[in-house]
């Protein structure tokens, strides 16, 4: 397993790219030969990062997994329980080729240019990409599951995710609660990101109205407290806030002490997959508890 600093760097990169919708870098045109229509399902699959691990563990036969990333069993890996006992491959071309893969799955693992290098050595790469909407997540799940030889499982996962998100929607006519998304690094997000769409799906109004990712608006938060705060990655050991983070700023700490909060696991939101439904359901459940408390059904703090 890599040192914690490397864990933090990899996780931060994956989060930023996943939520920004940036394209995967380093994948040469035509490198995605693993998804060719009518091709035989791959028999030896290697995953280069923990985002790719989730799809491989979900949709590939266990016997076909020739290697997972060193983060496959980390606390921010949704499918970490399924990774136990499977081989680990460092995301370096030399190590990957030793595993003799007929398909390499990646989102960011191995860095720029590794896909082209592997393709020249006869190891095609299946890039996951970075979804910034639920619609893009659906398309990604279907595409990757089909490339791994499990199209029916992909369709089932998408249908279940869609149904769960729809079921979490607020009752018609219910006014949305104001909400803020807070990471351990002291960042939040606005329109145009996957997190913002998940908040909207759960009947919440994001108080951050500027697009993309940005530091917490501390001056504004000193005057305004949202109805609900969604904290993310506070459960992840390598991402817990340090003394440098604005997540520890007195304004933030006061806000956390007085506003209802709901903890979103890092494994739910750091990669765009079917497990986003877990985050939407948690947000919706917190919404209902806050509203119930306001209506006098629950005494005291609504969510903690």
C-alpha atoms as a PDB file:
ATOM      1  CA  UNK A   1       0.000   0.000   0.000  1.00  0.00           C
ATOM      2  CA  UNK A   2       1.277   3.448  -0.836  1.00  0.00           C
ATOM      3  CA  UNK A   3       2.031   6.032   1.871  1.00  0.00           C
ATOM      4  CA  UNK A   4      -0.823   8.174   3.121  1.00  0.00           C
ATOM      5  CA  UNK A   5       0.438  11.201   1.236  1.00  0.00           C
ATOM      6  CA  UNK A   6       0.104   9.315  -2.017  1.00  0.00           C
ATOM      7  CA  UNK A   7      -3.395   8.200  -0.979  1.00  0.00           C
ATOM      8  CA  UNK A   8      -4.367  11.809  -0.380  1.00  0.00           C
ATOM      9  CA  UNK A   9      -2.988  12.997  -3.697  1.00  0.00           C
ATOM     10  CA  UNK A  10      -4.732  10.241  -5.648  1.00  0.00           C
ATOM     11  CA  UNK A  11      -8.028  10.760  -3.854  1.00  0.00           C
ATOM     12  CA  UNK A  12      -7.946  14.530  -4.284  1.00  0.00           C
ATOM     13  CA  UNK A  13      -7.238  14.173  -7.994  1.00  0.00           C
ATOM     14  CA  UNK A  14     -10.030  11.674  -8.472  1.00  0.00           C
ATOM     15  CA  UNK A  15     -12.540  13.815  -6.588  1.00  0.00           C
ATOM     16  CA  UNK A  16     -11.668  16.965  -8.486  1.00  0.00           C
ATOM     17  CA  UNK A  17     -11.811  15.309 -11.877  1.00  0.00           C
ATOM     18  CA  UNK A  18     -14.926  13.284 -11.142  1.00  0.00           C
ATOM     19  CA  UNK A  19     -16.929  16.246 -10.017  1.00  0.00           C
ATOM     20  CA  UNK A  20     -15.609  18.682 -12.616  1.00  0.00           C
ATOM     21  CA  UNK A  21     -16.390  16.393 -15.516  1.00  0.00           C
ATOM     22  CA  UNK A  22     -12.900  16.809 -16.953  1.00  0.00           C
ATOM     23  CA  UNK A  23     -11.943  14.259 -19.599  1.00  0.00           C
ATOM     24  CA  UNK A  24      -9.515  11.502 -18.770  1.00  0.00           C
ATOM     25  CA  UNK A  25      -5.985  12.520 -19.719  1.00  0.00           C
ATOM     26  CA  UNK A  26      -3.378  10.343 -21.314  1.00  0.00           C
ATOM     27  CA  UNK A  27      -5.725   8.071 -23.247  1.00  0.00           C
ATOM     28  CA  UNK A  28      -4.629   7.920 -26.863  1.00  0.00           C
ATOM     29  CA  UNK A  29      -7.279   7.990 -29.580  1.00  0.00           C
ATOM     30  CA  UNK A  30      -8.392   4.481 -30.363  1.00  0.00           C
ATOM     31  CA  UNK A  31      -6.997   3.118 -27.097  1.00  0.00           C
ATOM     32  CA  UNK A  32     -10.478   2.074 -25.940  1.00  0.00           C
ATOM     33  CA  UNK A  33     -10.416  -1.209 -27.850  1.00  0.00           C
ATOM     34  CA  UNK A  34     -11.661  -3.120 -24.820  1.00  0.00           C
ATOM     35  CA  UNK A  35     -15.216  -1.996 -25.537  1.00  0.00           C
ATOM     36  CA  UNK A  36     -15.402  -3.264 -29.105  1.00  0.00           C
ATOM     37  CA  UNK A  37     -18.837  -4.542 -30.003  1.00  0.00           C
ATOM     38  CA  UNK A  38     -19.098  -8.306 -30.206  1.00  0.00           C
ATOM     39  CA  UNK A  39     -15.664  -8.882 -28.670  1.00  0.00           C
ATOM     40  CA  UNK A  40     -15.038 -11.800 -26.341  1.00  0.00           C
ATOM     41  CA  UNK A  41     -15.243 -10.780 -22.658  1.00  0.00           C
ATOM     42  CA  UNK A  42     -11.753 -10.056 -21.331  1.00  0.00           C
ATOM     43  CA  UNK A  43     -10.146 -12.933 -19.449  1.00  0.00           C
ATOM     44  CA  UNK A  44      -7.384 -11.005 -17.630  1.00  0.00           C
ATOM     45  CA  UNK A  45      -8.352  -7.559 -16.370  1.00  0.00           C
ATOM     46  CA  UNK A  46      -6.149  -5.079 -14.524  1.00  0.00           C
ATOM     47  CA  UNK A  47      -7.480  -1.943 -12.812  1.00  0.00           C
ATOM     48  CA  UNK A  48      -5.176   1.048 -12.344  1.00  0.00           C
ATOM     49  CA  UNK A  49      -7.012   3.178  -9.748  1.00  0.00           C
ATOM     50  CA  UNK A  50      -9.727   2.861  -7.171  1.00  0.00           C
ATOM     51  CA  UNK A  51     -12.403   4.393  -9.389  1.00  0.00           C
ATOM     52  CA  UNK A  52     -11.712   1.701 -11.967  1.00  0.00           C
ATOM     53  CA  UNK A  53     -11.603  -0.885  -9.153  1.00  0.00           C
ATOM     54  CA  UNK A  54     -15.275  -0.277  -8.385  1.00  0.00           C
ATOM     55  CA  UNK A  55     -16.413  -1.173 -11.897  1.00  0.00           C
ATOM     56  CA  UNK A  56     -14.098  -4.151 -12.232  1.00  0.00           C
ATOM     57  CA  UNK A  57     -15.182  -5.575  -8.878  1.00  0.00           C
ATOM     58  CA  UNK A  58     -18.860  -5.031  -9.694  1.00  0.00           C
ATOM     59  CA  UNK A  59     -19.028  -6.277 -13.268  1.00  0.00           C
ATOM     60  CA  UNK A  60     -16.044  -8.540 -13.999  1.00  0.00           C
ATOM     61  CA  UNK A  61     -15.916 -12.212 -12.981  1.00  0.00           C
ATOM     62  CA  UNK A  62     -13.644 -12.610  -9.997  1.00  0.00           C
ATOM     63  CA  UNK A  63     -11.561 -15.188 -11.860  1.00  0.00           C
ATOM     64  CA  UNK A  64     -10.861 -12.634 -14.603  1.00  0.00           C
ATOM     65  CA  UNK A  65      -9.383  -9.996 -12.264  1.00  0.00           C
ATOM     66  CA  UNK A  66      -5.613 -10.148 -12.694  1.00  0.00           C
ATOM     67  CA  UNK A  67      -4.903  -7.092 -10.590  1.00  0.00           C
ATOM     68  CA  UNK A  68      -6.463  -4.181  -8.702  1.00  0.00           C
ATOM     69  CA  UNK A  69      -4.984  -0.868  -7.631  1.00  0.00           C
ATOM     70  CA  UNK A  70      -3.296  -0.523  -4.225  1.00  0.00           C
ATOM     71  CA  UNK A  71      -6.332   1.485  -3.067  1.00  0.00           C
ATOM     72  CA  UNK A  72      -8.915  -1.211  -3.843  1.00  0.00           C
ATOM     73  CA  UNK A  73      -9.397  -2.009  -0.145  1.00  0.00           C
ATOM     74  CA  UNK A  74      -9.035   1.569   1.158  1.00  0.00           C
ATOM     75  CA  UNK A  75     -11.780   3.146   3.266  1.00  0.00           C
ATOM     76  CA  UNK A  76     -12.860   5.323   0.340  1.00  0.00           C
ATOM     77  CA  UNK A  77     -13.361   2.293  -1.945  1.00  0.00           C
ATOM     78  CA  UNK A  78     -17.037   1.359  -2.169  1.00  0.00           C
ATOM     79  CA  UNK A  79     -16.350  -2.238  -3.230  1.00  0.00           C
ATOM     80  CA  UNK A  80     -13.480  -2.761  -0.784  1.00  0.00           C
ATOM     81  CA  UNK A  81     -14.981  -5.896   0.770  1.00  0.00           C
ATOM     82  CA  UNK A  82     -14.979  -7.628  -2.620  1.00  0.00           C
ATOM     83  CA  UNK A  83     -11.302  -6.733  -3.124  1.00  0.00           C
ATOM     84  CA  UNK A  84     -10.086  -8.951  -0.295  1.00  0.00           C
ATOM     85  CA  UNK A  85      -7.847 -11.743  -1.553  1.00  0.00           C
ATOM     86  CA  UNK A  86      -7.382 -10.377  -5.076  1.00  0.00           C
ATOM     87  CA  UNK A  87      -3.936  -9.476  -6.457  1.00  0.00           C
ATOM     88  CA  UNK A  88      -2.691  -5.893  -6.378  1.00  0.00           C
ATOM     89  CA  UNK A  89      -0.772  -4.251  -9.223  1.00  0.00           C
ATOM     90  CA  UNK A  90       1.018  -0.930  -8.980  1.00  0.00           C
ATOM     91  CA  UNK A  91      -0.145   1.496 -11.713  1.00  0.00           C
ATOM     92  CA  UNK A  92       3.137   1.398 -13.628  1.00  0.00           C
ATOM     93  CA  UNK A  93       3.404   0.082 -17.163  1.00  0.00           C
ATOM     94  CA  UNK A  94       6.076  -2.462 -16.299  1.00  0.00           C
ATOM     95  CA  UNK A  95       4.099  -3.932 -13.403  1.00  0.00           C
ATOM     96  CA  UNK A  96       0.871  -3.961 -15.401  1.00  0.00           C
ATOM     97  CA  UNK A  97       2.419  -5.812 -18.332  1.00  0.00           C
ATOM     98  CA  UNK A  98       3.840  -8.477 -16.017  1.00  0.00           C
ATOM     99  CA  UNK A  99       0.207  -9.345 -15.161  1.00  0.00           C
ATOM    100  CA  UNK A 100      -0.419 -10.093 -18.879  1.00  0.00           C
ATOM    101  CA  UNK A 101      -3.755  -8.251 -19.133  1.00  0.00           C
ATOM    102  CA  UNK A 102      -6.005  -8.377 -22.149  1.00  0.00           C
ATOM    103  CA  UNK A 103      -7.794  -5.279 -20.818  1.00  0.00           C
ATOM    104  CA  UNK A 104      -6.653  -2.450 -18.545  1.00  0.00           C
ATOM    105  CA  UNK A 105      -9.347  -0.298 -16.903  1.00  0.00           C
ATOM    106  CA  UNK A 106      -8.492   3.197 -15.637  1.00  0.00           C
ATOM    107  CA  UNK A 107      -9.778   6.647 -14.856  1.00  0.00           C
ATOM    108  CA  UNK A 108      -6.604   8.442 -13.745  1.00  0.00           C
ATOM    109  CA  UNK A 109      -4.248   5.624 -12.713  1.00  0.00           C
ATOM    110  CA  UNK A 110      -0.789   5.501 -14.224  1.00  0.00           C
ATOM    111  CA  UNK A 111      -0.719   9.138 -15.248  1.00  0.00           C
ATOM    112  CA  UNK A 112      -0.622  10.765 -18.639  1.00  0.00           C
ATOM    113  CA  UNK A 113       0.418   8.586 -21.550  1.00  0.00           C
ATOM    114  CA  UNK A 114       0.171   5.179 -19.916  1.00  0.00           C
ATOM    115  CA  UNK A 115      -2.735   4.081 -22.141  1.00  0.00           C
ATOM    116  CA  UNK A 116      -0.743   4.712 -25.310  1.00  0.00           C
ATOM    117  CA  UNK A 117       2.271   2.925 -23.830  1.00  0.00           C
ATOM    118  CA  UNK A 118       0.188  -0.113 -22.910  1.00  0.00           C
ATOM    119  CA  UNK A 119      -1.538  -0.138 -26.300  1.00  0.00           C
ATOM    120  CA  UNK A 120       1.833  -0.318 -28.039  1.00  0.00           C
ATOM    121  CA  UNK A 121       2.615  -3.350 -25.889  1.00  0.00           C
ATOM    122  CA  UNK A 122      -0.669  -5.018 -26.880  1.00  0.00           C
ATOM    123  CA  UNK A 123      -2.685  -4.212 -23.740  1.00  0.00           C
ATOM    124  CA  UNK A 124      -5.814  -2.192 -24.676  1.00  0.00           C
ATOM    125  CA  UNK A 125      -7.184   0.317 -22.186  1.00  0.00           C
ATOM    126  CA  UNK A 126     -10.790   0.993 -21.240  1.00  0.00           C
ATOM    127  CA  UNK A 127     -11.032   4.605 -19.942  1.00  0.00           C
ATOM    128  CA  UNK A 128     -13.824   5.290 -17.490  1.00  0.00           C
ATOM    129  CA  UNK A 129     -13.939   9.064 -17.844  1.00  0.00           C
ATOM    130  CA  UNK A 130     -15.298  11.462 -15.256  1.00  0.00           C
ATOM    131  CA  UNK A 131     -19.071  11.948 -15.137  1.00  0.00           C
ATOM    132  CA  UNK A 132     -20.522  15.276 -14.060  1.00  0.00           C
ATOM    133  CA  UNK A 133     -24.204  14.347 -14.187  1.00  0.00           C
ATOM    134  CA  UNK A 134     -26.396  11.404 -13.283  1.00  0.00           C
ATOM    135  CA  UNK A 135     -27.125  10.895 -16.973  1.00  0.00           C
ATOM    136  CA  UNK A 136     -23.404  10.578 -17.665  1.00  0.00           C
ATOM    137  CA  UNK A 137     -23.080   8.113 -14.790  1.00  0.00           C
ATOM    138  CA  UNK A 138     -25.822   5.958 -16.298  1.00  0.00           C
ATOM    139  CA  UNK A 139     -24.106   5.965 -19.682  1.00  0.00           C
ATOM    140  CA  UNK A 140     -20.747   5.187 -18.107  1.00  0.00           C
ATOM    141  CA  UNK A 141     -22.073   2.229 -16.112  1.00  0.00           C
ATOM    142  CA  UNK A 142     -23.768   0.740 -19.172  1.00  0.00           C
ATOM    143  CA  UNK A 143     -20.690   1.175 -21.365  1.00  0.00           C
ATOM    144  CA  UNK A 144     -18.194  -0.237 -18.884  1.00  0.00           C
ATOM    145  CA  UNK A 145     -20.374  -3.154 -17.813  1.00  0.00           C
ATOM    146  CA  UNK A 146     -20.835  -4.125 -21.461  1.00  0.00           C
ATOM    147  CA  UNK A 147     -17.091  -3.907 -22.106  1.00  0.00           C
ATOM    148  CA  UNK A 148     -16.490  -6.206 -19.149  1.00  0.00           C
ATOM    149  CA  UNK A 149     -18.952  -8.753 -20.506  1.00  0.00           C
ATOM    150  CA  UNK A 150     -21.843  -7.962 -18.161  1.00  0.00           C
ATOM    151  CA  UNK A 151     -24.344  -5.771 -20.049  1.00  0.00           C
ATOM    152  CA  UNK A 152     -27.353  -7.163 -18.168  1.00  0.00           C
ATOM    153  CA  UNK A 153     -25.736  -6.454 -14.802  1.00  0.00           C
ATOM    154  CA  UNK A 154     -25.001  -2.909 -15.949  1.00  0.00           C
ATOM    155  CA  UNK A 155     -28.600  -2.354 -16.991  1.00  0.00           C
ATOM    156  CA  UNK A 156     -29.823  -3.716 -13.655  1.00  0.00           C
ATOM    157  CA  UNK A 157     -27.476  -1.442 -11.712  1.00  0.00           C
ATOM    158  CA  UNK A 158     -28.633   1.607 -13.669  1.00  0.00           C
ATOM    159  CA  UNK A 159     -32.304   0.737 -13.242  1.00  0.00           C
ATOM    160  CA  UNK A 160     -31.898   0.289  -9.500  1.00  0.00           C
ATOM    161  CA  UNK A 161     -29.905   3.499  -9.144  1.00  0.00           C
ATOM    162  CA  UNK A 162     -32.512   5.444 -11.128  1.00  0.00           C
ATOM    163  CA  UNK A 163     -35.367   4.031  -9.059  1.00  0.00           C
ATOM    164  CA  UNK A 164     -33.648   4.809  -5.764  1.00  0.00           C
ATOM    165  CA  UNK A 165     -32.906   8.393  -6.768  1.00  0.00           C
ATOM    166  CA  UNK A 166     -36.486   8.888  -7.957  1.00  0.00           C
ATOM    167  CA  UNK A 167     -37.845   7.480  -4.688  1.00  0.00           C
ATOM    168  CA  UNK A 168     -35.725   9.961  -2.721  1.00  0.00           C
ATOM    169  CA  UNK A 169     -37.335  12.991  -4.380  1.00  0.00           C
ATOM    170  CA  UNK A 170     -39.292  15.303  -2.068  1.00  0.00           C
ATOM    171  CA  UNK A 171     -43.103  15.433  -2.118  1.00  0.00           C
ATOM    172  CA  UNK A 172     -44.557  17.709  -4.760  1.00  0.00           C
ATOM    173  CA  UNK A 173     -44.776  21.297  -3.586  1.00  0.00           C
ATOM    174  CA  UNK A 174     -42.290  20.911  -0.739  1.00  0.00           C
ATOM    175  CA  UNK A 175     -39.976  23.913  -0.537  1.00  0.00           C
ATOM    176  CA  UNK A 176     -36.319  22.872  -0.758  1.00  0.00           C
ATOM    177  CA  UNK A 177     -34.064  23.228   2.255  1.00  0.00           C
ATOM    178  CA  UNK A 178     -30.905  25.282   1.860  1.00  0.00           C
ATOM    179  CA  UNK A 179     -27.797  23.127   2.045  1.00  0.00           C
ATOM    180  CA  UNK A 180     -24.018  23.335   1.871  1.00  0.00           C
ATOM    181  CA  UNK A 181     -21.575  20.629   0.788  1.00  0.00           C
ATOM    182  CA  UNK A 182     -18.349  20.640   2.815  1.00  0.00           C
ATOM    183  CA  UNK A 183     -15.212  18.577   2.207  1.00  0.00           C
ATOM    184  CA  UNK A 184     -12.439  18.052   4.724  1.00  0.00           C
ATOM    185  CA  UNK A 185     -10.202  20.311   2.669  1.00  0.00           C
ATOM    186  CA  UNK A 186     -12.590  23.224   3.148  1.00  0.00           C
ATOM    187  CA  UNK A 187     -14.048  23.154  -0.362  1.00  0.00           C
ATOM    188  CA  UNK A 188     -17.596  23.291  -1.620  1.00  0.00           C
ATOM    189  CA  UNK A 189     -19.260  23.061  -5.012  1.00  0.00           C
ATOM    190  CA  UNK A 190     -21.902  24.793  -7.074  1.00  0.00           C
ATOM    191  CA  UNK A 191     -23.860  24.275 -10.291  1.00  0.00           C
ATOM    192  CA  UNK A 192     -22.460  22.147 -13.074  1.00  0.00           C
ATOM    193  CA  UNK A 193     -21.114  19.409 -10.819  1.00  0.00           C
ATOM    194  CA  UNK A 194     -22.373  15.970  -9.954  1.00  0.00           C
ATOM    195  CA  UNK A 195     -22.666  16.798  -6.251  1.00  0.00           C
ATOM    196  CA  UNK A 196     -24.901  19.778  -7.010  1.00  0.00           C
ATOM    197  CA  UNK A 197     -27.194  17.534  -9.056  1.00  0.00           C
ATOM    198  CA  UNK A 198     -27.381  15.000  -6.224  1.00  0.00           C
ATOM    199  CA  UNK A 199     -28.368  17.740  -3.780  1.00  0.00           C
ATOM    200  CA  UNK A 200     -31.090  18.924  -6.131  1.00  0.00           C
ATOM    201  CA  UNK A 201     -32.362  15.355  -6.584  1.00  0.00           C
ATOM    202  CA  UNK A 202     -32.728  15.107  -2.808  1.00  0.00           C
ATOM    203  CA  UNK A 203     -34.833  18.269  -2.613  1.00  0.00           C
ATOM    204  CA  UNK A 204     -32.082  20.596  -1.420  1.00  0.00           C
ATOM    205  CA  UNK A 205     -31.109  24.058  -2.637  1.00  0.00           C
ATOM    206  CA  UNK A 206     -27.358  24.503  -2.811  1.00  0.00           C
ATOM    207  CA  UNK A 207     -26.406  27.826  -1.226  1.00  0.00           C
ATOM    208  CA  UNK A 208     -23.287  27.925  -3.394  1.00  0.00           C
ATOM    209  CA  UNK A 209     -24.532  29.442  -6.634  1.00  0.00           C
ATOM    210  CA  UNK A 210     -21.173  29.884  -8.362  1.00  0.00           C
ATOM    211  CA  UNK A 211     -20.311  27.111 -10.790  1.00  0.00           C
ATOM    212  CA  UNK A 212     -17.631  24.533 -10.112  1.00  0.00           C
ATOM    213  CA  UNK A 213     -15.444  23.922  -7.095  1.00  0.00           C
ATOM    214  CA  UNK A 214     -14.183  26.666  -4.777  1.00  0.00           C
ATOM    215  CA  UNK A 215     -13.119  27.329  -1.178  1.00  0.00           C
ATOM    216  CA  UNK A 216     -15.825  27.787   1.423  1.00  0.00           C
ATOM    217  CA  UNK A 217     -17.373  31.284   1.367  1.00  0.00           C
ATOM    218  CA  UNK A 218     -16.414  31.977   4.992  1.00  0.00           C
ATOM    219  CA  UNK A 219     -17.531  35.621   5.020  1.00  0.00           C
ATOM    220  CA  UNK A 220     -20.982  34.624   3.832  1.00  0.00           C
ATOM    221  CA  UNK A 221     -21.207  31.713   6.256  1.00  0.00           C
ATOM    222  CA  UNK A 222     -20.437  34.050   9.136  1.00  0.00           C
ATOM    223  CA  UNK A 223     -23.790  35.722   8.382  1.00  0.00           C
ATOM    224  CA  UNK A 224     -25.836  32.833   6.999  1.00  0.00           C
ATOM    225  CA  UNK A 225     -26.237  29.244   8.182  1.00  0.00           C
ATOM    226  CA  UNK A 226     -27.789  26.696   5.801  1.00  0.00           C
ATOM    227  CA  UNK A 227     -30.627  24.450   6.905  1.00  0.00           C
ATOM    228  CA  UNK A 228     -28.430  21.379   6.378  1.00  0.00           C
ATOM    229  CA  UNK A 229     -24.722  20.708   5.954  1.00  0.00           C
ATOM    230  CA  UNK A 230     -23.535  17.680   4.018  1.00  0.00           C
ATOM    231  CA  UNK A 231     -20.040  16.746   5.183  1.00  0.00           C
ATOM    232  CA  UNK A 232     -17.979  14.594   2.838  1.00  0.00           C
ATOM    233  CA  UNK A 233     -14.875  12.454   3.385  1.00  0.00           C
ATOM    234  CA  UNK A 234     -14.810  13.061   7.143  1.00  0.00           C
ATOM    235  CA  UNK A 235     -14.979   9.252   7.446  1.00  0.00           C
ATOM    236  CA  UNK A 236     -11.847   8.825   5.313  1.00  0.00           C
ATOM    237  CA  UNK A 237      -8.637   8.556   7.314  1.00  0.00           C
ATOM    238  CA  UNK A 238      -6.344   9.989   4.642  1.00  0.00           C
ATOM    239  CA  UNK A 239      -8.671  12.960   4.074  1.00  0.00           C
ATOM    240  CA  UNK A 240      -9.467  14.111   7.604  1.00  0.00           C
ATOM    241  CA  UNK A 241      -9.015  17.875   7.972  1.00  0.00           C
ATOM    242  CA  UNK A 242      -5.621  19.129   9.073  1.00  0.00           C
ATOM    243  CA  UNK A 243      -4.831  22.362  10.850  1.00  0.00           C
ATOM    244  CA  UNK A 244      -4.420  24.104   7.472  1.00  0.00           C
ATOM    245  CA  UNK A 245      -7.938  23.367   6.289  1.00  0.00           C
ATOM    246  CA  UNK A 246     -10.717  25.939   6.387  1.00  0.00           C
ATOM    247  CA  UNK A 247     -12.874  23.023   7.564  1.00  0.00           C
ATOM    248  CA  UNK A 248     -11.296  23.824  10.945  1.00  0.00           C
ATOM    249  CA  UNK A 249     -11.837  27.576  10.686  1.00  0.00           C
ATOM    250  CA  UNK A 250     -13.786  29.031  13.647  1.00  0.00           C
ATOM    251  CA  UNK A 251     -16.605  30.085  11.308  1.00  0.00           C
ATOM    252  CA  UNK A 252     -16.896  26.550   9.964  1.00  0.00           C
ATOM    253  CA  UNK A 253     -16.711  24.980  13.397  1.00  0.00           C
ATOM    254  CA  UNK A 254     -19.443  27.295  14.708  1.00  0.00           C
ATOM    255  CA  UNK A 255     -21.625  26.456  11.709  1.00  0.00           C
ATOM    256  CA  UNK A 256     -21.114  22.723  12.263  1.00  0.00           C
ATOM    257  CA  UNK A 257     -21.994  23.125  15.924  1.00  0.00           C
ATOM    258  CA  UNK A 258     -25.351  24.760  15.225  1.00  0.00           C
ATOM    259  CA  UNK A 259     -26.644  23.407  11.920  1.00  0.00           C
ATOM    260  CA  UNK A 260     -27.982  19.903  11.309  1.00  0.00           C
ATOM    261  CA  UNK A 261     -25.423  17.799   9.461  1.00  0.00           C
ATOM    262  CA  UNK A 262     -25.440  14.621   7.427  1.00  0.00           C
ATOM    263  CA  UNK A 263     -22.245  12.673   6.815  1.00  0.00           C
ATOM    264  CA  UNK A 264     -21.686  11.461   3.267  1.00  0.00           C
ATOM    265  CA  UNK A 265     -19.153   8.674   2.998  1.00  0.00           C
ATOM    266  CA  UNK A 266     -16.227   9.357   0.732  1.00  0.00           C
ATOM    267  CA  UNK A 267     -16.917   6.077  -1.051  1.00  0.00           C
ATOM    268  CA  UNK A 268     -20.325   7.354  -2.180  1.00  0.00           C
ATOM    269  CA  UNK A 269     -19.256  10.458  -4.065  1.00  0.00           C
ATOM    270  CA  UNK A 270     -15.580  10.243  -5.024  1.00  0.00           C
ATOM    271  CA  UNK A 271     -16.294   8.262  -8.206  1.00  0.00           C
ATOM    272  CA  UNK A 272     -19.302   8.463 -10.484  1.00  0.00           C
ATOM    273  CA  UNK A 273     -21.050   5.122 -10.125  1.00  0.00           C
ATOM    274  CA  UNK A 274     -24.314   3.421  -9.182  1.00  0.00           C
ATOM    275  CA  UNK A 275     -23.469   4.019  -5.507  1.00  0.00           C
ATOM    276  CA  UNK A 276     -24.370   7.702  -5.857  1.00  0.00           C
ATOM    277  CA  UNK A 277     -27.869   6.576  -4.899  1.00  0.00           C
ATOM    278  CA  UNK A 278     -26.546   5.987  -1.363  1.00  0.00           C
ATOM    279  CA  UNK A 279     -25.630   9.674  -1.109  1.00  0.00           C
ATOM    280  CA  UNK A 280     -28.995  10.854  -2.460  1.00  0.00           C
ATOM    281  CA  UNK A 281     -30.870   8.631  -0.001  1.00  0.00           C
ATOM    282  CA  UNK A 282     -28.774   9.916   2.918  1.00  0.00           C
ATOM    283  CA  UNK A 283     -29.444  13.517   1.886  1.00  0.00           C
ATOM    284  CA  UNK A 284     -33.167  12.835   1.526  1.00  0.00           C
ATOM    285  CA  UNK A 285     -33.352  11.126   4.921  1.00  0.00           C
ATOM    286  CA  UNK A 286     -31.591  14.116   6.515  1.00  0.00           C
ATOM    287  CA  UNK A 287     -34.006  16.471   4.742  1.00  0.00           C
ATOM    288  CA  UNK A 288     -36.975  14.606   6.166  1.00  0.00           C
ATOM    289  CA  UNK A 289     -35.546  14.653   9.684  1.00  0.00           C
ATOM    290  CA  UNK A 290     -34.911  18.390   9.565  1.00  0.00           C
ATOM    291  CA  UNK A 291     -38.432  19.076   8.312  1.00  0.00           C
ATOM    292  CA  UNK A 292     -39.943  16.743  10.907  1.00  0.00           C
ATOM    293  CA  UNK A 293     -38.008  18.503  13.671  1.00  0.00           C
ATOM    294  CA  UNK A 294     -39.251  21.858  12.441  1.00  0.00           C
ATOM    295  CA  UNK A 295     -42.809  20.542  12.512  1.00  0.00           C
ATOM    296  CA  UNK A 296     -42.368  19.449  16.126  1.00  0.00           C
ATOM    297  CA  UNK A 297     -42.379  15.701  15.421  1.00  0.00           C
ATOM    298  CA  UNK A 298     -38.835  15.292  16.714  1.00  0.00           C
ATOM    299  CA  UNK A 299     -37.518  17.192  19.697  1.00  0.00           C
ATOM    300  CA  UNK A 300     -34.036  18.679  19.797  1.00  0.00           C
ATOM    301  CA  UNK A 301     -31.359  18.281  17.142  1.00  0.00           C
ATOM    302  CA  UNK A 302     -32.687  16.908  13.875  1.00  0.00           C
ATOM    303  CA  UNK A 303     -29.631  15.253  12.383  1.00  0.00           C
ATOM    304  CA  UNK A 304     -26.311  14.287  13.919  1.00  0.00           C
END
